[in-house]
Amino acid sequence: MNRLLNIFFSLFFVPSVVAQTFPVWRTLSTAPFMSSSRIDDVTFVTDQLGWLANGRGQIWKTTNGGGNWVKVFDKNTIYFRTITFSDSLHGYAFNLGTEEFGGATDTNIVYQTSDGGATWAANNNFFPQKPRGLCGSQTFGDSMIYAVGRVRGPAFFVRSTDAGQSWQTRDMSWFAHGLLDVYFWSADSGIAVGHTGDVNETSMGVVLFTANRGDNWTILHTTSQLGEWCWKIDFPSRLVGYISLQRNSGAPVNFLKTTDGGFSWEDKLFRMSAYYVQGIGFASETHGWVGGNSSQPTYETTDGGDTWFQQPFGVRVNRFWMINDTLGYAVGQTAYKYSPTMATDVVERRPEPQGFALLELYPNPFNSQTTIRYTVTGGSDDPATPLHISIKLVDPLGREITQLVDEFHRAGTYSTTYDARALASGVYFVRIQVSSGSDGSPVLSGNYLDIKKLVLLK
C-alpha cells in the first residue's frame, strides 16, 4: 500500500500505469497431459530453456519458459524417472528400468545428448556393475553427474567425472534398500535419500552423507515412523533444506527439515490425515509447496512448514524446479509454472489526491473470520462526494469467490467482517477498487486498485 500511496502523492501530472504483481501457480496448457501416468521430472538451465521427461519414454523441450513444448524423444519401452542438464547442450535422462512398470522393457539406463536434445544415444558404460534403474540425478559443473536408484531396489550410487563418457557405480545396499534422490552442495559433499526396508509398511526413510564424491557414506538420519520413504530433496538456501516423505499408508504424515546445511534433520508434521506426498519445492527458506496425491491438491506453507494450507493447482506433482523466489516450474499430471501476474490501472498522478482507500486486513493469517478495514478520503474536489468502493475476494488465479463490498461511501472509516468457515484453507487475495462518484464523474482518470494477500488457516 505504501508504494501505491507514494505514487499518488508524487508531483507528476502525466498518466502512468500502476501495477501490482504477485506470483501464482498456473497450468501450462501446451505441456503434455498424462491421463494415466505422470511427468516425473523437469529441469531448466535458464528461465526459458528447459526439458521434462515422463514415464512413456518421452522428453519434451521448451525454449520460451513453457509457452510451447516440442517432443524431442519418444520410446515407449522406457520409463524416464529423472533428467538433468549441465548446460544448454549436454543432458542426461535416466531410465527407471524394467519390472517396475508394465511395458518398460528397455534395459538401457542412461540416454545422453550433446546437442540440446535434438539427438539422444544410450550409454551403458558402467563400472564395476550396471544398476537396474535410477530415480534421481544432478549435474555439478561441466563434467560431474550424480545419480541414485532405484525406488524399490537395488540401491546404487552412480557418478561420472567426465561428462557422461563413463560411469562409476557403488552398491549401496548396506545403507539402504532403495534410493530416490540426490543433492550435492559442492563437488565433494552431498546427500542421497531413500528407505531401509523392502516392504512398504516396515520401511523408514534414510538420509546418507558423503564428503568425498560418494566414495564413502554415513547415515545422517533415519526417520521416526515405519511406512515412509524419503522421496525428494529441495534446498532453497545453503543452510535450509527439506525432504518430502512418502507415507505409503496411514498417518500422520511428516517431512524432514534442516537448518544447518543438511548435517542434522528434524521430523516435522505435515498433516494428521493420509496424504501421498512426493514432490516438494521452496521459493525461499519459508515459502514452499508439497504435492503428490492424486485426489487432493498441493499444499503451501509460508512459515517454513509449521502450518500448511491447500492450493488449487497440481495433480500428482512429483518435482518442483524453483529458479528464484518468483519463478519456478513443477510437473505431475502436466506442467505448471510459478510466475508473477499483473493487475494494472491507468491513473493520473496528482499533487493532492482527491480520493483513495486504505486497506487493512486483521487478523491475517486468520482461522475463521477476518476484518477488512478501509478509509475513504472523499472524491472529486469535495470530500463529501461519495466514491464507489468495490472489494472482492479472489483466488490465486484471479477468479472471484465473493463480493465483500459494493457500495458508495463518503469520506470516513469503514470495515466489514468476512466469515470464511465455508472456505478451504489456502491463500486468497482481497481486491479493492475505488472508482467514480455517484454523479458518474471520475475520481481520477482511471481507477485506484490495491490487492492484498490473505491467508486462511484451519
Protein backbone atom coordinates (compact mmCIF):
# COMPACT_ATOMS: atom_id res chain seq x y z
CA MET A 1 0.00 0.00 0.00
CA ASN A 2 2.79 2.47 0.84
CA ARG A 3 4.26 2.09 -2.64
CA LEU A 4 0.92 2.96 -4.25
CA LEU A 5 0.31 5.89 -1.96
CA ASN A 6 3.73 7.28 -2.78
CA ILE A 7 2.75 7.19 -6.42
CA PHE A 8 -0.44 9.09 -5.67
CA PHE A 9 1.42 11.71 -3.69
CA SER A 10 4.13 12.28 -6.31
CA LEU A 11 4.28 15.65 -8.07
CA PHE A 12 3.91 14.31 -11.60
CA PHE A 13 0.86 15.08 -13.71
CA VAL A 14 1.42 12.63 -16.59
CA PRO A 15 -0.64 9.45 -16.86
CA SER A 16 1.22 6.26 -15.91
CA VAL A 17 0.50 2.59 -15.29
CA VAL A 18 0.27 1.48 -11.68
CA ALA A 19 0.92 -2.24 -11.43
CA GLN A 20 0.99 -4.78 -8.63
CA THR A 21 2.44 -8.19 -9.32
CA PHE A 22 2.32 -11.36 -7.29
CA PRO A 23 3.44 -14.85 -8.36
CA VAL A 24 0.91 -17.69 -8.64
CA TRP A 25 0.92 -21.24 -10.00
CA ARG A 26 -0.74 -21.78 -13.38
CA THR A 27 -1.19 -24.81 -15.61
CA LEU A 28 0.87 -24.73 -18.81
CA SER A 29 -1.76 -25.64 -21.38
CA THR A 30 0.75 -26.57 -24.09
CA ALA A 31 2.59 -29.13 -21.94
CA PRO A 32 1.85 -32.86 -22.36
CA PHE A 33 -1.07 -34.13 -20.28
CA MET A 34 -0.77 -37.55 -18.63
CA SER A 35 -4.21 -39.03 -18.01
CA SER A 36 -3.00 -42.36 -16.60
CA SER A 37 0.63 -41.60 -15.73
CA ARG A 38 2.63 -38.50 -14.92
CA ILE A 39 5.58 -36.34 -15.86
CA ASP A 40 8.26 -37.41 -13.44
CA ASP A 41 10.94 -34.75 -13.77
CA VAL A 42 11.75 -31.29 -15.11
CA THR A 43 14.97 -29.31 -15.39
CA PHE A 44 15.88 -25.81 -16.59
CA VAL A 45 19.26 -24.27 -17.41
CA THR A 46 17.84 -20.74 -17.85
CA ASP A 47 14.50 -19.18 -17.01
CA GLN A 48 13.35 -20.00 -20.56
CA LEU A 49 15.18 -23.20 -21.59
CA GLY A 50 14.08 -26.48 -20.05
CA TRP A 51 13.18 -30.11 -20.55
CA LEU A 52 10.77 -32.59 -18.98
CA ALA A 53 10.65 -36.39 -19.04
CA ASN A 54 7.83 -38.84 -18.40
CA GLY A 55 7.02 -42.50 -17.88
CA ARG A 56 6.09 -43.00 -21.52
CA GLY A 57 9.69 -42.58 -22.60
CA GLN A 58 9.15 -39.05 -23.85
CA ILE A 59 11.38 -35.98 -23.49
CA TRP A 60 9.94 -32.54 -24.23
CA LYS A 61 11.77 -29.22 -24.63
CA THR A 62 10.76 -25.58 -24.20
CA THR A 63 12.73 -22.52 -25.28
CA ASN A 64 10.21 -19.91 -24.10
CA GLY A 65 9.55 -20.65 -20.45
CA GLY A 66 6.87 -23.28 -21.01
CA GLY A 67 4.92 -21.30 -23.56
CA ASN A 68 5.42 -24.12 -26.04
CA TRP A 69 6.80 -27.64 -25.74
CA VAL A 70 8.35 -29.76 -28.51
CA LYS A 71 8.78 -33.52 -28.18
CA VAL A 72 12.45 -34.39 -28.84
CA PHE A 73 12.48 -38.09 -27.86
CA ASP A 74 9.85 -40.84 -27.82
CA LYS A 75 10.40 -44.51 -26.96
CA ASN A 76 7.52 -46.07 -25.09
CA THR A 77 9.53 -49.01 -23.71
CA ILE A 78 11.39 -46.63 -21.36
CA TYR A 79 10.24 -45.16 -18.07
CA PHE A 80 12.19 -41.92 -17.66
CA ARG A 81 12.27 -41.10 -13.96
CA THR A 82 14.81 -38.26 -13.89
CA ILE A 83 16.51 -35.84 -16.28
CA THR A 84 19.31 -33.31 -15.78
CA PHE A 85 21.30 -30.90 -17.97
CA SER A 86 24.69 -29.34 -17.26
CA ASP A 87 24.25 -26.63 -19.91
CA SER A 88 22.16 -25.84 -22.97
CA LEU A 89 23.67 -28.76 -24.94
CA HIS A 90 24.58 -31.61 -22.57
CA GLY A 91 21.84 -33.59 -20.90
CA TYR A 92 21.18 -36.98 -19.30
CA ALA A 93 17.88 -38.86 -18.97
CA PHE A 94 17.78 -41.89 -16.68
CA ASN A 95 15.58 -44.96 -17.02
CA LEU A 96 13.77 -46.44 -14.02
CA GLY A 97 14.38 -49.82 -15.61
CA THR A 98 12.35 -52.95 -16.14
CA GLU A 99 9.95 -54.70 -13.73
CA GLU A 100 8.69 -51.53 -12.07
CA PHE A 101 6.00 -50.75 -14.64
CA GLY A 102 4.44 -52.86 -17.36
CA GLY A 103 5.71 -52.08 -20.83
CA ALA A 104 9.06 -50.72 -19.59
CA THR A 105 11.33 -53.28 -21.23
CA ASP A 106 14.29 -51.12 -22.27
CA THR A 107 17.42 -52.08 -20.32
CA ASN A 108 19.47 -49.01 -21.27
CA ILE A 109 19.92 -46.97 -18.11
CA VAL A 110 21.03 -43.57 -19.43
CA TYR A 111 20.36 -41.67 -22.64
CA GLN A 112 22.59 -38.69 -23.38
CA THR A 113 22.52 -35.68 -25.68
CA SER A 114 25.23 -33.22 -26.68
CA ASP A 115 23.08 -31.06 -28.97
CA GLY A 116 20.39 -29.76 -26.64
CA GLY A 117 18.13 -32.79 -27.07
CA ALA A 118 17.95 -32.98 -30.85
CA THR A 119 19.53 -36.46 -30.74
CA TRP A 120 19.95 -38.97 -27.92
CA ALA A 121 22.22 -42.02 -27.55
CA ALA A 122 22.22 -44.83 -24.99
CA ASN A 123 25.29 -45.25 -22.78
CA ASN A 124 25.85 -48.34 -20.62
CA ASN A 125 29.50 -47.77 -19.81
CA PHE A 126 29.07 -48.57 -16.09
CA PHE A 127 31.83 -49.97 -13.88
CA PRO A 128 32.04 -52.22 -11.96
CA GLN A 129 28.31 -53.02 -12.15
CA LYS A 130 25.39 -51.75 -14.14
CA PRO A 131 22.48 -50.52 -11.96
CA ARG A 132 18.96 -51.81 -12.57
CA GLY A 133 17.49 -48.33 -12.75
CA LEU A 134 17.91 -44.74 -11.49
CA CYS A 135 15.47 -42.31 -9.85
CA GLY A 136 17.26 -39.04 -9.01
CA SER A 137 20.07 -37.13 -10.70
CA GLN A 138 22.09 -33.92 -10.55
CA THR A 139 24.80 -32.25 -12.62
CA PHE A 140 27.51 -30.23 -10.90
CA GLY A 141 29.64 -28.05 -13.12
CA ASP A 142 30.54 -29.11 -16.64
CA SER A 143 31.62 -32.69 -16.05
CA MET A 144 30.23 -34.04 -12.78
CA ILE A 145 26.97 -36.01 -12.82
CA TYR A 146 25.48 -37.85 -9.84
CA ALA A 147 22.54 -40.27 -9.81
CA VAL A 148 20.89 -42.75 -7.44
CA GLY A 149 18.31 -45.51 -7.65
CA ARG A 150 16.17 -47.23 -7.59
CA VAL A 151 12.92 -46.84 -5.71
CA ARG A 152 12.34 -50.49 -4.73
CA GLY A 153 15.96 -51.51 -5.04
CA PRO A 154 18.61 -52.41 -5.59
CA ALA A 155 20.22 -49.27 -4.20
CA PHE A 156 23.08 -47.78 -6.23
CA PHE A 157 25.03 -44.55 -6.37
CA VAL A 158 26.33 -43.57 -9.83
CA ARG A 159 28.93 -40.93 -10.67
CA SER A 160 30.52 -39.58 -13.83
CA THR A 161 33.52 -37.26 -13.72
CA ASP A 162 33.94 -36.97 -17.49
CA ALA A 163 30.59 -35.54 -18.65
CA GLY A 164 28.96 -38.93 -19.04
CA GLN A 165 31.59 -40.77 -21.07
CA SER A 166 31.98 -43.32 -18.28
CA TRP A 167 30.11 -44.09 -15.07
CA GLN A 168 31.38 -45.42 -11.75
CA THR A 169 28.86 -47.25 -9.60
CA ARG A 170 28.65 -48.19 -5.95
CA ASP A 171 26.36 -50.79 -4.42
CA MET A 172 24.54 -49.01 -1.56
CA SER A 173 22.57 -51.96 -0.21
CA TRP A 174 24.44 -51.83 3.10
CA PHE A 175 22.96 -48.36 3.73
CA ALA A 176 19.51 -48.55 2.11
CA HIS A 177 17.15 -50.83 0.30
CA GLY A 178 16.20 -48.16 -2.23
CA LEU A 179 17.45 -44.68 -3.13
CA LEU A 180 15.31 -41.99 -4.74
CA ASP A 181 17.05 -38.60 -4.86
CA VAL A 182 20.47 -36.98 -4.59
CA TYR A 183 21.72 -33.47 -3.87
CA PHE A 184 25.34 -32.19 -3.77
CA TRP A 185 26.06 -28.69 -2.46
CA SER A 186 29.71 -28.95 -3.56
CA ALA A 187 31.58 -31.21 -5.95
CA ASP A 188 32.58 -33.38 -2.97
CA SER A 189 29.78 -33.16 -0.39
CA GLY A 190 26.14 -34.11 -0.65
CA ILE A 191 23.31 -36.36 0.43
CA ALA A 192 21.32 -39.25 -1.01
CA VAL A 193 17.91 -40.26 0.33
CA GLY A 194 15.74 -43.35 0.24
CA HIS A 195 14.42 -46.03 2.58
CA THR A 196 15.55 -49.00 4.63
CA GLY A 197 13.07 -51.83 4.03
CA ASP A 198 11.80 -53.91 1.15
CA VAL A 199 8.22 -53.83 2.46
CA ASN A 200 6.36 -50.51 2.42
CA GLU A 201 4.86 -50.86 5.89
CA THR A 202 8.17 -51.72 7.56
CA SER A 203 10.47 -49.24 5.83
CA MET A 204 11.82 -45.98 7.22
CA GLY A 205 13.30 -43.01 5.42
CA VAL A 206 17.06 -42.64 5.45
CA VAL A 207 19.42 -39.73 4.72
CA LEU A 208 23.02 -40.56 3.72
CA PHE A 209 26.02 -38.19 3.58
CA THR A 210 29.30 -38.21 1.66
CA ALA A 211 32.24 -35.79 1.80
CA ASN A 212 34.33 -37.42 -0.95
CA ARG A 213 32.14 -37.59 -4.06
CA GLY A 214 30.42 -40.79 -2.97
CA ASP A 215 33.45 -42.95 -2.21
CA ASN A 216 32.31 -43.25 1.41
CA TRP A 217 28.92 -42.73 3.03
CA THR A 218 27.49 -42.35 6.54
CA ILE A 219 23.92 -42.46 7.77
CA LEU A 220 22.88 -38.99 8.95
CA HIS A 221 19.25 -39.61 9.80
CA THR A 222 16.62 -42.33 9.96
CA THR A 223 13.01 -41.20 10.15
CA SER A 224 10.82 -41.73 13.17
CA GLN A 225 8.00 -43.76 11.64
CA LEU A 226 7.56 -47.05 9.84
CA GLY A 227 5.86 -46.99 6.45
CA GLU A 228 7.58 -43.97 4.88
CA TRP A 229 10.28 -43.23 2.31
CA CYS A 230 12.40 -40.15 1.71
CA TRP A 231 11.33 -39.01 -1.75
CA LYS A 232 12.58 -35.61 -2.99
CA ILE A 233 15.16 -33.08 -1.77
CA ASP A 234 14.99 -29.28 -2.01
CA PHE A 235 17.42 -26.68 -0.66
CA PRO A 236 16.13 -23.09 -1.03
CA SER A 237 19.34 -21.86 0.63
CA ARG A 238 22.65 -23.30 1.69
CA LEU A 239 21.52 -23.78 5.29
CA VAL A 240 17.81 -24.61 4.97
CA GLY A 241 16.64 -27.74 3.20
CA TYR A 242 13.61 -30.02 3.02
CA ILE A 243 12.95 -33.67 2.17
CA SER A 244 9.49 -34.99 1.37
CA LEU A 245 8.40 -38.25 3.00
CA GLN A 246 6.11 -40.52 1.01
CA ARG A 247 3.73 -42.07 3.51
CA ASN A 248 2.71 -45.38 1.98
CA SER A 249 -0.34 -45.84 4.18
CA GLY A 250 -1.93 -44.24 7.19
CA ALA A 251 -0.99 -41.12 9.14
CA PRO A 252 0.41 -38.86 10.49
CA VAL A 253 2.42 -37.64 7.51
CA ASN A 254 5.77 -35.96 8.15
CA PHE A 255 8.56 -34.24 6.22
CA LEU A 256 12.19 -33.50 7.07
CA LYS A 257 13.84 -30.12 7.59
CA THR A 258 17.42 -28.99 8.16
CA THR A 259 18.62 -25.55 9.23
CA ASP A 260 22.35 -26.34 9.40
CA GLY A 261 23.08 -27.18 5.78
CA GLY A 262 21.99 -30.81 5.82
CA PHE A 263 24.05 -32.17 8.69
CA SER A 264 21.10 -32.67 11.05
CA TRP A 265 17.43 -33.28 10.21
CA GLU A 266 14.17 -32.86 12.11
CA ASP A 267 10.99 -34.85 11.52
CA LYS A 268 8.15 -32.30 11.24
CA LEU A 269 4.41 -32.82 10.94
CA PHE A 270 2.81 -32.14 7.58
CA ARG A 271 -0.75 -33.30 8.42
CA MET A 272 -2.60 -35.74 10.66
CA SER A 273 -4.59 -37.40 7.88
CA ALA A 274 -3.32 -39.51 4.99
CA TYR A 275 -1.68 -37.85 2.01
CA TYR A 276 0.64 -39.46 -0.53
CA VAL A 277 3.43 -36.86 -0.52
CA GLN A 278 6.05 -36.89 -3.27
CA GLY A 279 7.18 -33.53 -4.73
CA ILE A 280 8.50 -30.72 -2.51
CA GLY A 281 9.80 -27.30 -3.51
CA PHE A 282 10.54 -23.96 -1.83
CA ALA A 283 10.80 -20.46 -3.28
CA SER A 284 12.51 -19.24 -0.11
CA GLU A 285 13.53 -20.65 3.25
CA THR A 286 9.93 -20.35 4.49
CA HIS A 287 7.67 -20.39 1.40
CA GLY A 288 7.08 -23.72 -0.29
CA TRP A 289 4.78 -26.47 -1.51
CA VAL A 290 4.28 -30.24 -1.40
CA GLY A 291 2.31 -32.37 -3.82
CA GLY A 292 1.81 -35.91 -4.99
CA ASN A 293 -1.66 -37.05 -4.01
CA SER A 294 -3.88 -37.84 -6.99
CA SER A 295 -7.17 -36.91 -5.31
CA GLN A 296 -6.18 -33.76 -3.38
CA PRO A 297 -4.46 -30.53 -4.40
CA THR A 298 -1.00 -29.39 -3.45
CA TYR A 299 -0.31 -27.71 -0.12
CA GLU A 300 1.52 -24.48 0.63
CA THR A 301 3.42 -23.14 3.64
CA THR A 302 4.60 -19.60 4.33
CA ASP A 303 6.23 -20.28 7.70
CA GLY A 304 8.81 -22.93 6.94
CA GLY A 305 6.47 -25.88 7.30
CA ASP A 306 4.92 -25.08 10.67
CA THR A 307 1.49 -24.78 9.02
CA TRP A 308 0.16 -25.91 5.63
CA PHE A 309 -2.91 -24.98 3.60
CA GLN A 310 -4.40 -26.18 0.31
CA GLN A 311 -3.66 -24.58 -3.04
CA PRO A 312 -5.86 -25.09 -6.13
CA PHE A 313 -3.24 -26.37 -8.56
CA GLY A 314 -1.37 -29.51 -9.41
CA VAL A 315 -2.20 -33.21 -9.63
CA ARG A 316 0.37 -35.90 -8.80
CA VAL A 317 3.17 -33.32 -8.54
CA ASN A 318 6.49 -35.16 -8.39
CA ARG A 319 9.12 -32.46 -8.94
CA PHE A 320 9.43 -28.73 -8.30
CA TRP A 321 12.18 -26.76 -10.01
CA MET A 322 12.50 -23.29 -8.49
CA ILE A 323 14.65 -20.76 -10.36
CA ASN A 324 14.17 -17.93 -7.86
CA ASP A 325 11.58 -16.73 -5.36
CA THR A 326 9.13 -15.60 -8.08
CA LEU A 327 9.77 -18.13 -10.86
CA GLY A 328 9.55 -21.90 -10.85
CA TYR A 329 8.15 -24.97 -12.54
CA ALA A 330 6.51 -28.18 -11.36
CA VAL A 331 5.44 -31.39 -13.08
CA GLY A 332 2.90 -34.08 -12.35
CA GLN A 333 -0.17 -34.85 -14.41
CA THR A 334 1.04 -31.95 -16.59
CA ALA A 335 3.42 -28.98 -16.16
CA TYR A 336 2.83 -25.89 -14.01
CA LYS A 337 4.58 -22.52 -13.80
CA TYR A 338 5.01 -20.17 -10.85
CA SER A 339 5.37 -16.61 -12.10
CA PRO A 340 4.01 -13.12 -11.43
CA THR A 341 0.61 -11.95 -12.62
CA MET A 342 -0.09 -8.26 -13.07
CA ALA A 343 -3.05 -6.02 -12.36
CA THR A 344 -2.72 -2.60 -13.99
CA ASP A 345 -4.76 0.57 -13.94
CA VAL A 346 -4.02 3.92 -15.55
CA VAL A 347 -4.09 6.75 -13.02
CA GLU A 348 -3.23 10.42 -13.26
CA ARG A 349 -0.58 11.44 -10.77
CA ARG A 350 -1.69 14.50 -8.81
CA PRO A 351 0.00 16.51 -6.09
CA GLU A 352 -3.10 16.20 -3.91
CA PRO A 353 -5.06 13.00 -4.46
CA GLN A 354 -8.80 13.53 -4.18
CA GLY A 355 -9.84 10.04 -3.08
CA PHE A 356 -8.48 6.68 -2.15
CA ALA A 357 -8.99 3.89 0.35
CA LEU A 358 -6.56 2.36 2.81
CA LEU A 359 -6.96 -1.41 3.00
CA GLU A 360 -6.08 -3.32 6.18
CA LEU A 361 -6.74 -6.98 6.99
CA TYR A 362 -6.77 -8.26 10.56
CA PRO A 363 -6.12 -10.92 11.63
CA ASN A 364 -4.03 -12.24 8.75
CA PRO A 365 -3.44 -15.20 8.66
CA PHE A 366 -6.84 -15.99 10.17
CA ASN A 367 -8.79 -19.06 11.23
CA SER A 368 -12.44 -18.36 10.50
CA GLN A 369 -13.15 -14.61 10.48
CA THR A 370 -11.17 -11.56 9.43
CA THR A 371 -11.96 -7.86 9.29
CA ILE A 372 -11.33 -5.67 6.25
CA ARG A 373 -10.85 -2.03 7.25
CA TYR A 374 -10.69 0.82 4.74
CA THR A 375 -10.55 4.62 4.95
CA VAL A 376 -12.17 6.78 2.25
CA THR A 377 -10.96 10.37 1.91
CA GLY A 378 -13.65 11.60 -0.48
CA GLY A 379 -13.85 12.23 -4.20
CA SER A 380 -13.66 14.96 -6.82
CA ASP A 381 -12.89 18.39 -5.31
CA ASP A 382 -15.34 17.88 -2.47
CA PRO A 383 -14.61 15.34 0.29
CA ALA A 384 -18.39 14.92 0.67
CA THR A 385 -18.67 13.43 -2.81
CA PRO A 386 -19.14 9.67 -2.44
CA LEU A 387 -16.83 7.12 -4.02
CA HIS A 388 -17.80 3.71 -5.31
CA ILE A 389 -15.93 1.06 -3.28
CA SER A 390 -15.72 -2.49 -4.62
CA ILE A 391 -13.95 -5.13 -2.54
CA LYS A 392 -13.78 -8.71 -3.78
CA LEU A 393 -12.19 -11.93 -2.57
CA VAL A 394 -10.42 -13.76 -5.40
CA ASP A 395 -8.38 -16.94 -5.66
CA PRO A 396 -4.73 -17.05 -6.83
CA LEU A 397 -5.89 -17.37 -10.44
CA GLY A 398 -7.93 -14.17 -10.16
CA ARG A 399 -11.34 -15.88 -10.09
CA GLU A 400 -13.93 -14.13 -7.95
CA ILE A 401 -15.07 -16.00 -4.87
CA THR A 402 -17.37 -13.40 -3.33
CA GLN A 403 -18.16 -9.68 -3.37
CA LEU A 404 -17.42 -8.26 0.07
CA VAL A 405 -18.30 -4.60 -0.51
CA ASP A 406 -20.17 -2.93 -3.38
CA GLU A 407 -21.25 0.49 -2.08
CA PHE A 408 -20.85 4.27 -2.38
CA HIS A 409 -19.09 5.85 0.61
CA ARG A 410 -18.36 9.40 1.62
CA ALA A 411 -15.17 10.26 3.48
CA GLY A 412 -14.81 8.13 6.59
CA THR A 413 -13.54 4.88 8.04
CA TYR A 414 -15.40 1.63 7.33
CA SER A 415 -14.98 -2.07 7.97
CA THR A 416 -16.57 -5.36 7.02
CA THR A 417 -16.14 -8.80 8.56
CA TYR A 418 -15.76 -11.88 6.39
CA ASP A 419 -16.72 -15.32 7.70
CA ALA A 420 -14.68 -17.98 5.86
CA ARG A 421 -15.89 -21.10 7.64
CA ALA A 422 -17.22 -22.49 4.35
CA LEU A 423 -13.92 -21.83 2.55
CA ALA A 424 -10.97 -24.21 2.32
CA SER A 425 -7.64 -23.27 3.86
CA GLY A 426 -5.35 -21.52 1.42
CA VAL A 427 -4.01 -18.27 0.03
CA TYR A 428 -6.51 -15.75 -1.32
CA PHE A 429 -6.41 -12.11 -2.36
CA VAL A 430 -8.59 -9.17 -1.34
CA ARG A 431 -9.01 -6.72 -4.20
CA ILE A 432 -10.24 -3.16 -3.58
CA GLN A 433 -11.20 -0.83 -6.41
CA VAL A 434 -12.20 2.81 -5.99
CA SER A 435 -13.98 4.49 -8.89
CA SER A 436 -16.25 7.39 -9.78
CA GLY A 437 -18.69 9.22 -7.52
CA SER A 438 -22.48 8.95 -7.60
CA ASP A 439 -22.82 11.51 -10.41
CA GLY A 440 -20.65 9.45 -12.72
CA SER A 441 -17.73 11.87 -12.77
CA PRO A 442 -14.32 10.26 -12.46
CA VAL A 443 -12.43 10.50 -9.20
CA LEU A 444 -9.18 10.07 -11.12
CA SER A 445 -8.52 9.46 -14.80
CA GLY A 446 -8.91 5.78 -14.11
CA ASN A 447 -9.49 3.51 -11.12
CA TYR A 448 -7.50 3.13 -7.93
CA LEU A 449 -6.66 -0.53 -7.31
CA ASP A 450 -4.99 -2.40 -4.48
CA ILE A 451 -4.55 -6.11 -3.83
CA LYS A 452 -3.56 -7.73 -0.57
CA LYS A 453 -2.75 -11.34 0.25
CA LEU A 454 -4.99 -13.12 2.75
CA VAL A 455 -4.10 -16.47 4.34
CA LEU A 456 -6.78 -18.78 5.75
CA LEU A 457 -5.54 -21.46 8.16
CA LYS A 458 -7.87 -24.06 9.63
